[in-house]
Amino acid sequence: MKSVDQILVEANKTIAHMHHRPSMYIGSTSRPSAGDMFDGMIWITHWFWATIQSRENEFRQVVAAIRESHQCSCQGFPDAFRRHNPGSDDESVFEHVRKCWAEIDAKLGIDISEEAARL
């Protein structure tokens, strides 16, 4: 059985991998609702990461702060981006969502470098 530390390493690796190879998780980043799918999948991965370390409250606070900084109101990253950028294409929505999660990762101290994705 894996230790908590080994499980945490795998969670970190998965988050980094999702940033660098999103098509493995959601298909094309330009497909309809790609940003919504990525947002949901990466949220679950982060929740698992936070739960492993008993950092759920910190995770919620960081997500709320980043949502506030992007003027999301009660919407998630994809819907708020569409509201602020009417007519935006699916690829733009996806890239915005990935950027927001990269900001969250930076605040939480999650290494999302390509090297971290390969560990």
Protein backbone atom coordinates (compact mmCIF):
# COMPACT_ATOMS: atom_id res chain seq x y z
CA MET A 1 0.00 0.00 0.00
CA LYS A 2 1.23 3.50 -0.78
CA SER A 3 2.05 5.92 1.97
CA VAL A 4 0.37 9.31 2.33
CA ASP A 5 3.51 10.94 0.92
CA GLN A 6 3.47 8.67 -2.13
CA ILE A 7 -0.20 9.42 -2.73
CA LEU A 8 0.47 13.16 -2.44
CA VAL A 9 3.30 12.90 -4.98
CA GLU A 10 0.92 11.17 -7.38
CA ALA A 11 -1.76 13.85 -6.84
CA ASN A 12 0.80 16.60 -7.51
CA LYS A 13 1.99 14.80 -10.64
CA THR A 14 -1.56 14.38 -11.90
CA ILE A 15 -2.34 18.09 -11.46
CA ALA A 16 0.84 19.08 -13.32
CA HIS A 17 0.09 16.53 -16.02
CA MET A 18 -3.43 17.89 -16.48
CA HIS A 19 -2.00 21.35 -17.16
CA HIS A 20 0.47 20.08 -19.76
CA ARG A 21 -1.58 17.32 -21.42
CA PRO A 22 -5.22 18.35 -20.98
CA SER A 23 -6.29 16.52 -24.12
CA MET A 24 -5.61 13.24 -22.32
CA TYR A 25 -8.33 14.17 -19.83
CA ILE A 26 -10.90 16.15 -21.84
CA GLY A 27 -10.12 15.57 -25.51
CA SER A 28 -9.66 18.63 -27.69
CA THR A 29 -9.29 21.92 -25.82
CA SER A 30 -11.36 23.60 -28.53
CA ARG A 31 -14.35 21.28 -28.26
CA PRO A 32 -17.60 22.69 -26.89
CA SER A 33 -17.51 22.93 -23.10
CA ALA A 34 -13.80 21.99 -22.88
CA GLY A 35 -13.27 24.72 -20.28
CA ASP A 36 -16.19 23.44 -18.21
CA MET A 37 -14.91 19.86 -18.34
CA PHE A 38 -11.38 20.91 -17.41
CA ASP A 39 -12.68 23.10 -14.58
CA GLY A 40 -14.63 20.22 -13.08
CA MET A 41 -11.93 17.61 -13.48
CA ILE A 42 -9.15 19.76 -12.11
CA TRP A 43 -11.33 20.87 -9.18
CA ILE A 44 -11.83 17.22 -8.19
CA THR A 45 -8.09 16.57 -8.46
CA HIS A 46 -7.31 19.59 -6.30
CA TRP A 47 -9.94 18.61 -3.75
CA PHE A 48 -8.31 15.20 -3.46
CA TRP A 49 -4.88 16.89 -3.12
CA ALA A 50 -6.21 19.17 -0.38
CA THR A 51 -7.99 16.34 1.45
CA ILE A 52 -4.82 14.24 1.60
CA GLN A 53 -3.19 17.07 3.57
CA SER A 54 -6.21 18.31 5.52
CA ARG A 55 -5.98 21.61 3.62
CA GLU A 56 -9.58 21.74 2.40
CA ASN A 57 -10.30 25.09 4.06
CA GLU A 58 -7.19 26.69 2.56
CA PHE A 59 -8.14 25.27 -0.85
CA ARG A 60 -11.65 26.77 -0.62
CA GLN A 61 -10.24 30.15 0.42
CA VAL A 62 -7.70 30.25 -2.41
CA VAL A 63 -10.30 29.27 -5.01
CA ALA A 64 -12.67 31.93 -3.66
CA ALA A 65 -9.92 34.57 -3.80
CA ILE A 66 -9.02 33.73 -7.40
CA ARG A 67 -12.69 33.70 -8.39
CA GLU A 68 -13.09 37.11 -6.80
CA SER A 69 -10.01 38.45 -8.61
CA HIS A 70 -11.55 37.35 -11.92
CA GLN A 71 -14.95 38.81 -10.98
CA CYS A 72 -16.70 35.47 -11.17
CA SER A 73 -19.45 36.35 -8.70
CA CYS A 74 -21.29 33.06 -8.10
CA GLN A 75 -20.20 31.64 -11.45
CA GLY A 76 -17.32 29.33 -12.17
CA PHE A 77 -14.33 30.35 -14.26
CA PRO A 78 -15.78 29.28 -17.63
CA ASP A 79 -19.16 30.99 -17.24
CA ALA A 80 -17.66 34.18 -15.81
CA PHE A 81 -15.20 34.37 -18.71
CA ARG A 82 -18.03 33.96 -21.21
CA ARG A 83 -20.02 36.68 -19.42
CA HIS A 84 -17.07 39.10 -19.58
CA ASN A 85 -16.11 38.04 -23.13
CA PRO A 86 -19.27 37.46 -25.15
CA GLY A 87 -18.60 35.59 -28.35
CA SER A 88 -15.38 34.02 -27.06
CA ASP A 89 -14.51 30.67 -28.59
CA ASP A 90 -14.17 27.42 -26.66
CA GLU A 91 -10.35 27.42 -26.88
CA SER A 92 -10.21 30.89 -25.26
CA VAL A 93 -12.51 29.77 -22.47
CA PHE A 94 -10.35 26.69 -21.88
CA GLU A 95 -7.13 28.73 -21.77
CA HIS A 96 -8.65 31.16 -19.29
CA VAL A 97 -9.74 28.30 -17.04
CA ARG A 98 -6.28 26.74 -17.19
CA LYS A 99 -4.73 30.13 -16.35
CA CYS A 100 -7.01 30.53 -13.33
CA TRP A 101 -6.07 27.08 -12.03
CA ALA A 102 -2.39 27.88 -12.57
CA GLU A 103 -2.91 30.90 -10.29
CA ILE A 104 -4.53 28.63 -7.71
CA ASP A 105 -1.62 26.21 -7.98
CA ALA A 106 0.87 29.03 -7.43
CA LYS A 107 -0.97 30.16 -4.27
CA LEU A 108 -1.16 26.60 -2.94
CA GLY A 109 2.46 25.83 -3.79
CA ILE A 110 1.72 23.08 -6.31
CA ASP A 111 4.51 22.64 -8.84
CA ILE A 112 2.91 22.40 -12.28
CA SER A 113 6.14 22.47 -14.27
CA GLU A 114 6.68 19.97 -17.07
CA GLU A 115 9.29 18.31 -14.89
CA ALA A 116 6.73 17.81 -12.11
CA ALA A 117 4.38 16.20 -14.61
CA ARG A 118 7.03 13.60 -15.45
CA LEU A 119 8.11 12.63 -11.93
